Amino acid sequence: MNTYFNYRDNDTQEEYKTHLKLCQQFFSSPWKYISKIIFDPFQNSYTICKNNFPYRVPYKNISHYVLWIHPKYMKYYKSSRIKSLICTYFDERSIIKCFRNEVSDQTIPEIPHYHIFVKNDFKIFQWNK
C-alpha cells in the first residue's frame, strides 16, 4: 500500500490527535478553531498555508500546503477557480499533487480544504486575497 500523500507518520499523527483534542477543549470543535485562526475578521474568502501536520511524502524536497476556503464563499469556488488559484500561488511546474480528501477521511468537513504538494525548489508567489 502506498502511504505517501494520504497518511501522516506516526509521530505527526499523534501530535495531530492531541491538537484536535485541544481544539475541542478550548474552541469546542476543530472547525471553530480553524475559523478563528485561519480566517481573519475581514472574512477573507480563502487562505493557503503550510500544513502544520503534513502527510508523508516520498522526498524531503516536497512541502504540504492546505488551501482553506471559507464556507460562506464556497459556492463561488468551482474546480476551475480552485485550480487557477493554486496555479497562481504556486509555480505550476512545482505542483506534484492536489486533492480534496473524501468526506469519510476529512477531520474538518465543515471547512472546504484542499491538500497541495509542491517541490521546494520553485518559487512560491504571494498574492493578496
Protein backbone atom coordinates (compact mmCIF):
# COMPACT_ATOMS: atom_id res chain seq x y z
CA MET A 1 0.00 0.00 0.00
CA ASN A 2 1.26 3.47 -0.91
CA THR A 3 1.33 5.55 2.26
CA TYR A 4 2.53 8.76 0.66
CA PHE A 5 0.29 11.80 0.29
CA ASN A 6 -2.55 10.19 2.27
CA TYR A 7 -1.24 9.46 5.73
CA ARG A 8 0.85 11.13 8.38
CA ASP A 9 3.79 9.40 10.00
CA ASN A 10 3.02 8.06 13.48
CA ASP A 11 4.56 10.93 15.44
CA THR A 12 2.81 13.57 13.36
CA GLN A 13 -0.48 11.70 13.64
CA GLU A 14 -0.17 11.60 17.44
CA GLU A 15 0.58 15.34 17.50
CA TYR A 16 -2.46 15.91 15.29
CA LYS A 17 -4.72 13.89 17.61
CA THR A 18 -3.51 15.93 20.57
CA HIS A 19 -4.11 19.13 18.64
CA LEU A 20 -7.68 18.05 17.79
CA LYS A 21 -8.36 17.31 21.47
CA LEU A 22 -7.08 20.74 22.45
CA CYS A 23 -9.23 22.36 19.76
CA GLN A 24 -12.22 20.53 21.15
CA GLN A 25 -11.38 21.59 24.69
CA PHE A 26 -10.66 25.28 24.07
CA PHE A 27 -12.73 26.07 20.98
CA SER A 28 -15.48 23.42 21.23
CA SER A 29 -14.51 21.99 17.83
CA PRO A 30 -11.64 21.90 15.31
CA TRP A 31 -13.63 23.83 12.72
CA LYS A 32 -14.25 26.68 15.17
CA TYR A 33 -10.53 26.81 15.84
CA ILE A 34 -9.74 26.92 12.11
CA SER A 35 -12.41 29.55 11.54
CA LYS A 36 -10.94 31.74 14.24
CA ILE A 37 -7.26 31.21 13.45
CA ILE A 38 -7.24 30.88 9.66
CA PHE A 39 -9.88 33.40 8.61
CA ASP A 40 -9.35 36.97 9.68
CA PRO A 41 -12.12 39.33 10.84
CA PHE A 42 -12.35 40.80 7.34
CA GLN A 43 -13.67 37.45 6.11
CA ASN A 44 -11.06 36.62 3.53
CA SER A 45 -12.54 34.00 1.25
CA TYR A 46 -9.51 31.69 1.28
CA THR A 47 -6.10 31.10 2.80
CA ILE A 48 -3.18 28.98 1.64
CA CYS A 49 -0.76 27.93 4.34
CA LYS A 50 1.76 25.25 5.13
CA ASN A 51 0.19 22.22 6.77
CA ASN A 52 1.23 22.02 10.42
CA PHE A 53 0.58 18.27 10.38
CA PRO A 54 1.80 17.21 6.95
CA TYR A 55 1.18 13.90 5.25
CA ARG A 56 4.09 11.64 4.45
CA VAL A 57 5.92 12.46 1.23
CA PRO A 58 8.44 10.37 -0.69
CA TYR A 59 11.15 13.06 -0.79
CA LYS A 60 12.37 15.76 1.60
CA ASN A 61 12.10 18.48 -1.03
CA ILE A 62 8.28 18.29 -1.07
CA SER A 63 6.12 20.52 1.12
CA HIS A 64 2.49 20.08 2.06
CA TYR A 65 0.19 23.11 1.93
CA VAL A 66 -3.52 23.49 2.50
CA LEU A 67 -5.98 25.72 0.71
CA TRP A 68 -8.76 26.61 3.17
CA ILE A 69 -11.91 28.09 1.67
CA HIS A 70 -14.28 29.99 3.89
CA PRO A 71 -17.56 28.00 3.87
CA LYS A 72 -19.52 31.18 3.29
CA TYR A 73 -17.79 31.61 -0.09
CA MET A 74 -17.53 28.01 -1.28
CA LYS A 75 -20.36 28.47 -3.76
CA TYR A 76 -18.02 30.78 -5.72
CA TYR A 77 -15.22 28.20 -5.88
CA LYS A 78 -15.75 25.70 -8.65
CA SER A 79 -12.92 23.35 -9.60
CA SER A 80 -11.62 25.64 -12.38
CA ARG A 81 -11.31 28.57 -9.99
CA ILE A 82 -9.60 26.43 -7.36
CA LYS A 83 -7.08 25.16 -9.91
CA SER A 84 -6.44 28.68 -11.18
CA LEU A 85 -5.94 29.97 -7.65
CA ILE A 86 -3.45 27.25 -6.79
CA CYS A 87 -1.55 27.77 -10.06
CA THR A 88 -1.41 31.48 -9.33
CA TYR A 89 0.00 30.93 -5.87
CA PHE A 90 2.49 28.24 -6.87
CA ASP A 91 4.57 27.85 -9.98
CA GLU A 92 2.55 25.28 -11.90
CA ARG A 93 5.68 23.22 -12.57
CA SER A 94 6.18 22.78 -8.82
CA ILE A 95 2.79 21.22 -8.11
CA ILE A 96 3.09 17.49 -7.63
CA LYS A 97 -0.34 16.64 -6.35
CA CYS A 98 -3.51 18.43 -5.29
CA PHE A 99 -6.70 16.93 -3.92
CA ARG A 100 -9.60 17.19 -1.52
CA ASN A 101 -10.00 14.26 0.85
CA GLU A 102 -13.05 12.07 0.61
CA VAL A 103 -15.70 13.16 3.09
CA SER A 104 -15.13 9.98 5.12
CA ASP A 105 -11.44 10.95 5.54
CA GLN A 106 -11.97 14.59 6.46
CA THR A 107 -11.44 15.57 10.08
CA ILE A 108 -12.80 19.07 9.45
CA PRO A 109 -15.54 18.58 6.85
CA GLU A 110 -17.25 21.87 7.77
CA ILE A 111 -14.48 23.86 6.08
CA PRO A 112 -13.64 23.00 2.47
CA HIS A 113 -9.92 22.43 2.09
CA TYR A 114 -7.51 21.05 -0.47
CA HIS A 115 -4.12 19.46 0.04
CA ILE A 116 -1.34 20.75 -2.19
CA PHE A 117 2.08 19.14 -2.53
CA VAL A 118 4.84 21.15 -4.15
CA LYS A 119 8.53 20.85 -4.86
CA ASN A 120 10.52 23.20 -2.63
CA ASP A 121 12.91 24.31 -5.33
CA PHE A 122 10.32 26.51 -7.06
CA LYS A 123 9.33 30.00 -6.07
CA ILE A 124 6.06 30.45 -4.22
CA PHE A 125 4.14 33.51 -5.30
CA GLN A 126 2.37 35.53 -2.62
CA TRP A 127 -0.84 37.18 -3.78
CA ASN A 128 -3.39 39.18 -1.90
CA LYS A 129 -6.71 37.51 -1.46
